[in-house]
Structure formats: structure tokens, C-alpha cells
């Protein structure tokens, strides 16, 4: 990912290396674990995925899946 424009315009630098973030996410996704964020929260029950998909289809997911 090219972040040169963000660096040039905003002085932004990434806090973490993209490869390590991707590896961490893949490991967590494979194990079914997560974090305390809407996107990374763990799936507690198999029905959670179905309920999330239904919310997304209805358009009332509010950013959750």
C-alpha cells in the first residue's frame, strides 16, 4: 500500500507494518478470536453470522456484519 501522499500532505506515518497486521488478522480469523471493536469482535455463536448477514441485507447493520 502506498502511503506517500498521506505522508506528504499530512505528515502521517503508519504505526504498524501492513504485513504483520494482515498476519495477525488472518490468525485471529482462522481461530475465531477477535478484539473489542465492531469489525473484529469474535463470533460467539454460529447464528451470529446469519443474524449479521440479515442485518446487512436489510440495511440496518450500522456498520456491523
PDB file of N, CA and C in Angstrom:
ATOM      1  N   UNK A   1       0.846  -1.158   0.000  1.00  0.00           N
ATOM      2  CA  UNK A   1       0.000   0.000   0.000  1.00  0.00           C
ATOM      3  C   UNK A   1       0.904   1.236   0.000  1.00  0.00           C
ATOM      4  N   UNK A   2       0.616   2.158  -0.892  1.00  0.00           N
ATOM      5  CA  UNK A   2       1.401   3.383  -0.995  1.00  0.00           C
ATOM      6  C   UNK A   2       0.803   4.446  -0.080  1.00  0.00           C
ATOM      7  N   UNK A   3       1.548   4.850   0.918  1.00  0.00           N
ATOM      8  CA  UNK A   3       1.081   5.875   1.853  1.00  0.00           C
ATOM      9  C   UNK A   3       1.828   7.192   1.673  1.00  0.00           C
ATOM     10  N   UNK A   4       2.539   7.334   0.548  1.00  0.00           N
ATOM     11  CA  UNK A   4       3.364   8.528   0.349  1.00  0.00           C
ATOM     12  C   UNK A   4       2.536   9.813   0.327  1.00  0.00           C
ATOM     13  N   UNK A   5       1.353   9.778  -0.233  1.00  0.00           N
ATOM     14  CA  UNK A   5       0.535  11.000  -0.280  1.00  0.00           C
ATOM     15  C   UNK A   5       0.098  11.421   1.124  1.00  0.00           C
ATOM     16  N   UNK A   6      -0.315  10.454   1.935  1.00  0.00           N
ATOM     17  CA  UNK A   6      -0.691  10.769   3.318  1.00  0.00           C
ATOM     18  C   UNK A   6       0.503  11.338   4.078  1.00  0.00           C
ATOM     19  N   UNK A   7       1.685  10.809   3.806  1.00  0.00           N
ATOM     20  CA  UNK A   7       2.885  11.325   4.461  1.00  0.00           C
ATOM     21  C   UNK A   7       3.193  12.743   3.983  1.00  0.00           C
ATOM     22  N   UNK A   8       3.122  12.963   2.670  1.00  0.00           N
ATOM     23  CA  UNK A   8       3.434  14.279   2.106  1.00  0.00           C
ATOM     24  C   UNK A   8       2.450  15.346   2.565  1.00  0.00           C
ATOM     25  N   UNK A   9       1.155  15.052   2.524  1.00  0.00           N
ATOM     26  CA  UNK A   9       0.140  16.059   2.844  1.00  0.00           C
ATOM     27  C   UNK A   9      -0.108  16.217   4.336  1.00  0.00           C
ATOM     28  N   UNK A  10      -0.034  15.116   5.070  1.00  0.00           N
ATOM     29  CA  UNK A  10      -0.431  15.143   6.475  1.00  0.00           C
ATOM     30  C   UNK A  10       0.703  14.857   7.455  1.00  0.00           C
ATOM     31  N   UNK A  11       1.844  14.441   6.916  1.00  0.00           N
ATOM     32  CA  UNK A  11       2.934  14.054   7.800  1.00  0.00           C
ATOM     33  C   UNK A  11       2.685  12.723   8.495  1.00  0.00           C
ATOM     34  N   UNK A  12       1.756  11.951   7.963  1.00  0.00           N
ATOM     35  CA  UNK A  12       1.360  10.676   8.577  1.00  0.00           C
ATOM     36  C   UNK A  12       2.356   9.578   8.262  1.00  0.00           C
ATOM     37  N   UNK A  13       2.614   8.763   9.248  1.00  0.00           N
ATOM     38  CA  UNK A  13       3.423   7.554   9.072  1.00  0.00           C
ATOM     39  C   UNK A  13       2.667   6.404   9.725  1.00  0.00           C
ATOM     40  N   UNK A  14       2.686   5.226   9.105  1.00  0.00           N
ATOM     41  CA  UNK A  14       1.988   4.087   9.705  1.00  0.00           C
ATOM     42  C   UNK A  14       2.636   3.685  11.030  1.00  0.00           C
ATOM     43  N   UNK A  15       1.805   3.312  11.972  1.00  0.00           N
ATOM     44  CA  UNK A  15       2.305   2.884  13.280  1.00  0.00           C
ATOM     45  C   UNK A  15       2.702   1.412  13.275  1.00  0.00           C
ATOM     46  N   UNK A  16       2.172   0.659  12.314  1.00  0.00           N
ATOM     47  CA  UNK A  16       2.429  -0.777  12.241  1.00  0.00           C
ATOM     48  C   UNK A  16       2.694  -1.168  10.796  1.00  0.00           C
ATOM     49  N   UNK A  17       3.439  -2.228  10.607  1.00  0.00           N
ATOM     50  CA  UNK A  17       3.753  -2.732   9.274  1.00  0.00           C
ATOM     51  C   UNK A  17       2.564  -3.543   8.758  1.00  0.00           C
ATOM     52  N   UNK A  18       2.160  -3.303   7.521  1.00  0.00           N
ATOM     53  CA  UNK A  18       0.951  -3.920   6.960  1.00  0.00           C
ATOM     54  C   UNK A  18       1.001  -5.443   6.980  1.00  0.00           C
ATOM     55  N   UNK A  19       2.142  -6.030   6.691  1.00  0.00           N
ATOM     56  CA  UNK A  19       2.253  -7.490   6.679  1.00  0.00           C
ATOM     57  C   UNK A  19       1.972  -8.109   8.033  1.00  0.00           C
ATOM     58  N   UNK A  20       2.470  -7.487   9.101  1.00  0.00           N
ATOM     59  CA  UNK A  20       2.227  -8.038  10.438  1.00  0.00           C
ATOM     60  C   UNK A  20       0.759  -7.901  10.830  1.00  0.00           C
ATOM     61  N   UNK A  21       0.127  -6.812  10.409  1.00  0.00           N
ATOM     62  CA  UNK A  21      -1.299  -6.628  10.696  1.00  0.00           C
ATOM     63  C   UNK A  21      -2.119  -7.682   9.966  1.00  0.00           C
ATOM     64  N   UNK A  22      -1.802  -7.935   8.710  1.00  0.00           N
ATOM     65  CA  UNK A  22      -2.524  -8.941   7.937  1.00  0.00           C
ATOM     66  C   UNK A  22      -2.347 -10.325   8.553  1.00  0.00           C
ATOM     67  N   UNK A  23      -1.122 -10.666   8.951  1.00  0.00           N
ATOM     68  CA  UNK A  23      -0.880 -11.969   9.593  1.00  0.00           C
ATOM     69  C   UNK A  23      -1.688 -12.101  10.882  1.00  0.00           C
ATOM     70  N   UNK A  24      -1.712 -11.039  11.695  1.00  0.00           N
ATOM     71  CA  UNK A  24      -2.467 -11.074  12.949  1.00  0.00           C
ATOM     72  C   UNK A  24      -3.952 -11.263  12.674  1.00  0.00           C
ATOM     73  N   UNK A  25      -4.469 -10.542  11.677  1.00  0.00           N
ATOM     74  CA  UNK A  25      -5.887 -10.666  11.345  1.00  0.00           C
ATOM     75  C   UNK A  25      -6.212 -12.077  10.852  1.00  0.00           C
ATOM     76  N   UNK A  26      -5.389 -12.612   9.964  1.00  0.00           N
ATOM     77  CA  UNK A  26      -5.638 -13.956   9.439  1.00  0.00           C
ATOM     78  C   UNK A  26      -5.593 -15.003  10.548  1.00  0.00           C
ATOM     79  N   UNK A  27      -4.646 -14.868  11.461  1.00  0.00           N
ATOM     80  CA  UNK A  27      -4.554 -15.797  12.583  1.00  0.00           C
ATOM     81  C   UNK A  27      -5.816 -15.721  13.440  1.00  0.00           C
ATOM     82  N   UNK A  28      -6.262 -14.514  13.747  1.00  0.00           N
ATOM     83  CA  UNK A  28      -7.472 -14.335  14.548  1.00  0.00           C
ATOM     84  C   UNK A  28      -8.714 -14.829  13.837  1.00  0.00           C
ATOM     85  N   UNK A  29      -8.811 -14.570  12.539  1.00  0.00           N
ATOM     86  CA  UNK A  29      -9.978 -15.021  11.774  1.00  0.00           C
ATOM     87  C   UNK A  29     -10.030 -16.544  11.716  1.00  0.00           C
ATOM     88  N   UNK A  30      -8.893 -17.174  11.527  1.00  0.00           N
ATOM     89  CA  UNK A  30      -8.850 -18.639  11.463  1.00  0.00           C
ATOM     90  C   UNK A  30      -9.217 -19.264  12.798  1.00  0.00           C
ATOM     91  N   UNK A  31      -8.831 -18.614  13.892  1.00  0.00           N
ATOM     92  CA  UNK A  31      -9.101 -19.154  15.226  1.00  0.00           C
ATOM     93  C   UNK A  31     -10.467 -18.734  15.755  1.00  0.00           C
ATOM     94  N   UNK A  32     -11.135 -17.782  15.073  1.00  0.00           N
ATOM     95  CA  UNK A  32     -12.439 -17.301  15.535  1.00  0.00           C
ATOM     96  C   UNK A  32     -12.336 -16.356  16.716  1.00  0.00           C
ATOM     97  N   UNK A  33     -11.155 -15.770  16.920  1.00  0.00           N
ATOM     98  CA  UNK A  33     -10.977 -14.809  18.005  1.00  0.00           C
ATOM     99  C   UNK A  33     -11.139 -13.402  17.460  1.00  0.00           C
ATOM    100  N   UNK A  34     -11.135 -12.423  18.320  1.00  0.00           N
ATOM    101  CA  UNK A  34     -11.303 -11.058  17.861  1.00  0.00           C
ATOM    102  C   UNK A  34     -10.820 -10.056  18.880  1.00  0.00           C
ATOM    103  N   UNK A  35     -11.269  -8.829  18.717  1.00  0.00           N
ATOM    104  CA  UNK A  35     -10.938  -7.731  19.613  1.00  0.00           C
ATOM    105  C   UNK A  35     -12.234  -7.004  19.954  1.00  0.00           C
ATOM    106  N   UNK A  36     -12.145  -6.060  20.864  1.00  0.00           N
ATOM    107  CA  UNK A  36     -13.325  -5.315  21.307  1.00  0.00           C
ATOM    108  C   UNK A  36     -13.635  -4.163  20.357  1.00  0.00           C
ATOM    109  N   UNK A  37     -13.774  -4.462  19.078  1.00  0.00           N
ATOM    110  CA  UNK A  37     -14.180  -3.480  18.083  1.00  0.00           C
ATOM    111  C   UNK A  37     -15.298  -4.093  17.264  1.00  0.00           C
ATOM    112  N   UNK A  38     -16.164  -3.277  16.651  1.00  0.00           N
ATOM    113  CA  UNK A  38     -17.267  -3.848  15.863  1.00  0.00           C
ATOM    114  C   UNK A  38     -16.799  -4.784  14.759  1.00  0.00           C
ATOM    115  N   UNK A  39     -15.729  -4.446  14.090  1.00  0.00           N
ATOM    116  CA  UNK A  39     -15.270  -5.265  12.971  1.00  0.00           C
ATOM    117  C   UNK A  39     -14.586  -6.543  13.441  1.00  0.00           C
ATOM    118  N   UNK A  40     -13.846  -6.474  14.530  1.00  0.00           N
ATOM    119  CA  UNK A  40     -13.046  -7.613  14.971  1.00  0.00           C
ATOM    120  C   UNK A  40     -13.644  -8.382  16.143  1.00  0.00           C
ATOM    121  N   UNK A  41     -14.889  -8.069  16.517  1.00  0.00           N
ATOM    122  CA  UNK A  41     -15.460  -8.803  17.649  1.00  0.00           C
ATOM    123  C   UNK A  41     -15.601 -10.277  17.275  1.00  0.00           C
ATOM    124  N   UNK A  42     -15.352 -11.170  18.215  1.00  0.00           N
ATOM    125  CA  UNK A  42     -15.422 -12.597  17.904  1.00  0.00           C
ATOM    126  C   UNK A  42     -16.854 -13.062  17.680  1.00  0.00           C
ATOM    127  N   UNK A  43     -17.000 -14.109  16.909  1.00  0.00           N
ATOM    128  CA  UNK A  43     -18.299 -14.730  16.692  1.00  0.00           C
ATOM    129  C   UNK A  43     -18.548 -15.654  17.876  1.00  0.00           C
ATOM    130  N   UNK A  44     -19.586 -15.373  18.643  1.00  0.00           N
ATOM    131  CA  UNK A  44     -19.869 -16.163  19.833  1.00  0.00           C
ATOM    132  C   UNK A  44     -20.658 -17.428  19.528  1.00  0.00           C
ATOM    133  N   UNK A  45     -21.566 -17.327  18.580  1.00  0.00           N
ATOM    134  CA  UNK A  45     -22.411 -18.472  18.223  1.00  0.00           C
ATOM    135  C   UNK A  45     -22.518 -18.525  16.708  1.00  0.00           C
ATOM    136  N   UNK A  46     -22.744 -19.704  16.145  1.00  0.00           N
ATOM    137  CA  UNK A  46     -22.891 -19.802  14.687  1.00  0.00           C
ATOM    138  C   UNK A  46     -23.988 -18.884  14.143  1.00  0.00           C
ATOM    139  N   UNK A  47     -25.051 -18.681  14.888  1.00  0.00           N
ATOM    140  CA  UNK A  47     -26.147 -17.829  14.438  1.00  0.00           C
ATOM    141  C   UNK A  47     -25.783 -16.366  14.332  1.00  0.00           C
ATOM    142  N   UNK A  48     -24.701 -15.950  14.998  1.00  0.00           N
ATOM    143  CA  UNK A  48     -24.280 -14.551  14.926  1.00  0.00           C
ATOM    144  C   UNK A  48     -23.981 -14.131  13.495  1.00  0.00           C
ATOM    145  N   UNK A  49     -23.356 -15.019  12.731  1.00  0.00           N
ATOM    146  CA  UNK A  49     -23.030 -14.693  11.345  1.00  0.00           C
ATOM    147  C   UNK A  49     -24.296 -14.548  10.514  1.00  0.00           C
ATOM    148  N   UNK A  50     -25.270 -15.416  10.736  1.00  0.00           N
ATOM    149  CA  UNK A  50     -26.534 -15.344   9.997  1.00  0.00           C
ATOM    150  C   UNK A  50     -27.268 -14.065  10.357  1.00  0.00           C
ATOM    151  N   UNK A  51     -27.321 -13.738  11.647  1.00  0.00           N
ATOM    152  CA  UNK A  51     -28.000 -12.514  12.078  1.00  0.00           C
ATOM    153  C   UNK A  51     -27.317 -11.286  11.495  1.00  0.00           C
ATOM    154  N   UNK A  52     -25.988 -11.289  11.465  1.00  0.00           N
ATOM    155  CA  UNK A  52     -25.257 -10.162  10.890  1.00  0.00           C
ATOM    156  C   UNK A  52     -25.518 -10.002   9.409  1.00  0.00           C
ATOM    157  N   UNK A  53     -25.574 -11.113   8.689  1.00  0.00           N
ATOM    158  CA  UNK A  53     -25.865 -11.053   7.255  1.00  0.00           C
ATOM    159  C   UNK A  53     -27.272 -10.530   7.019  1.00  0.00           C
ATOM    160  N   UNK A  54     -28.227 -10.964   7.835  1.00  0.00           N
ATOM    161  CA  UNK A  54     -29.610 -10.486   7.693  1.00  0.00           C
ATOM    162  C   UNK A  54     -29.684  -8.984   7.941  1.00  0.00           C
ATOM    163  N   UNK A  55     -28.963  -8.486   8.968  1.00  0.00           N
ATOM    164  CA  UNK A  55     -28.947  -7.038   9.226  1.00  0.00           C
ATOM    165  C   UNK A  55     -28.375  -6.285   8.033  1.00  0.00           C
ATOM    166  N   UNK A  56     -27.303  -6.808   7.457  1.00  0.00           N
ATOM    167  CA  UNK A  56     -26.669  -6.144   6.318  1.00  0.00           C
ATOM    168  C   UNK A  56     -27.608  -6.098   5.121  1.00  0.00           C
ATOM    169  N   UNK A  57     -28.317  -7.192   4.870  1.00  0.00           N
ATOM    170  CA  UNK A  57     -29.253  -7.244   3.739  1.00  0.00           C
ATOM    171  C   UNK A  57     -30.392  -6.255   3.945  1.00  0.00           C
ATOM    172  N   UNK A  58     -30.885  -6.158   5.183  1.00  0.00           N
ATOM    173  CA  UNK A  58     -31.972  -5.215   5.484  1.00  0.00           C
ATOM    174  C   UNK A  58     -31.496  -3.766   5.460  1.00  0.00           C
ATOM    175  N   UNK A  59     -30.187  -3.566   5.550  1.00  0.00           N
ATOM    176  CA  UNK A  59     -29.654  -2.210   5.533  1.00  0.00           C
ATOM    177  C   UNK A  59     -29.618  -1.557   6.898  1.00  0.00           C
ATOM    178  N   UNK A  60     -29.810  -2.329   7.971  1.00  0.00           N
ATOM    179  CA  UNK A  60     -29.778  -1.736   9.307  1.00  0.00           C
ATOM    180  C   UNK A  60     -28.614  -2.271  10.136  1.00  0.00           C
ATOM    181  N   UNK A  61     -27.498  -2.532   9.462  1.00  0.00           N
ATOM    182  CA  UNK A  61     -26.354  -3.102  10.168  1.00  0.00           C
ATOM    183  C   UNK A  61     -25.541  -2.050  10.920  1.00  0.00           C
ATOM    184  N   UNK A  62     -25.719  -0.787  10.605  1.00  0.00           N
ATOM    185  CA  UNK A  62     -24.987   0.307  11.264  1.00  0.00           C
ATOM    186  C   UNK A  62     -23.488   0.032  11.302  1.00  0.00           C
ATOM    187  N   UNK A  63     -22.965  -0.516  10.211  1.00  0.00           N
ATOM    188  CA  UNK A  63     -21.546  -0.800  10.137  1.00  0.00           C
ATOM    189  C   UNK A  63     -21.150  -2.152  10.693  1.00  0.00           C
ATOM    190  N   UNK A  64     -22.111  -2.874  11.278  1.00  0.00           N
ATOM    191  CA  UNK A  64     -21.823  -4.210  11.811  1.00  0.00           C
ATOM    192  C   UNK A  64     -22.173  -5.243  10.760  1.00  0.00           C
ATOM    193  N   UNK A  65     -21.517  -6.374  10.809  1.00  0.00           N
ATOM    194  CA  UNK A  65     -21.860  -7.505   9.941  1.00  0.00           C
ATOM    195  C   UNK A  65     -22.028  -8.714  10.801  1.00  0.00           C
TER     196      UNK A  65
END
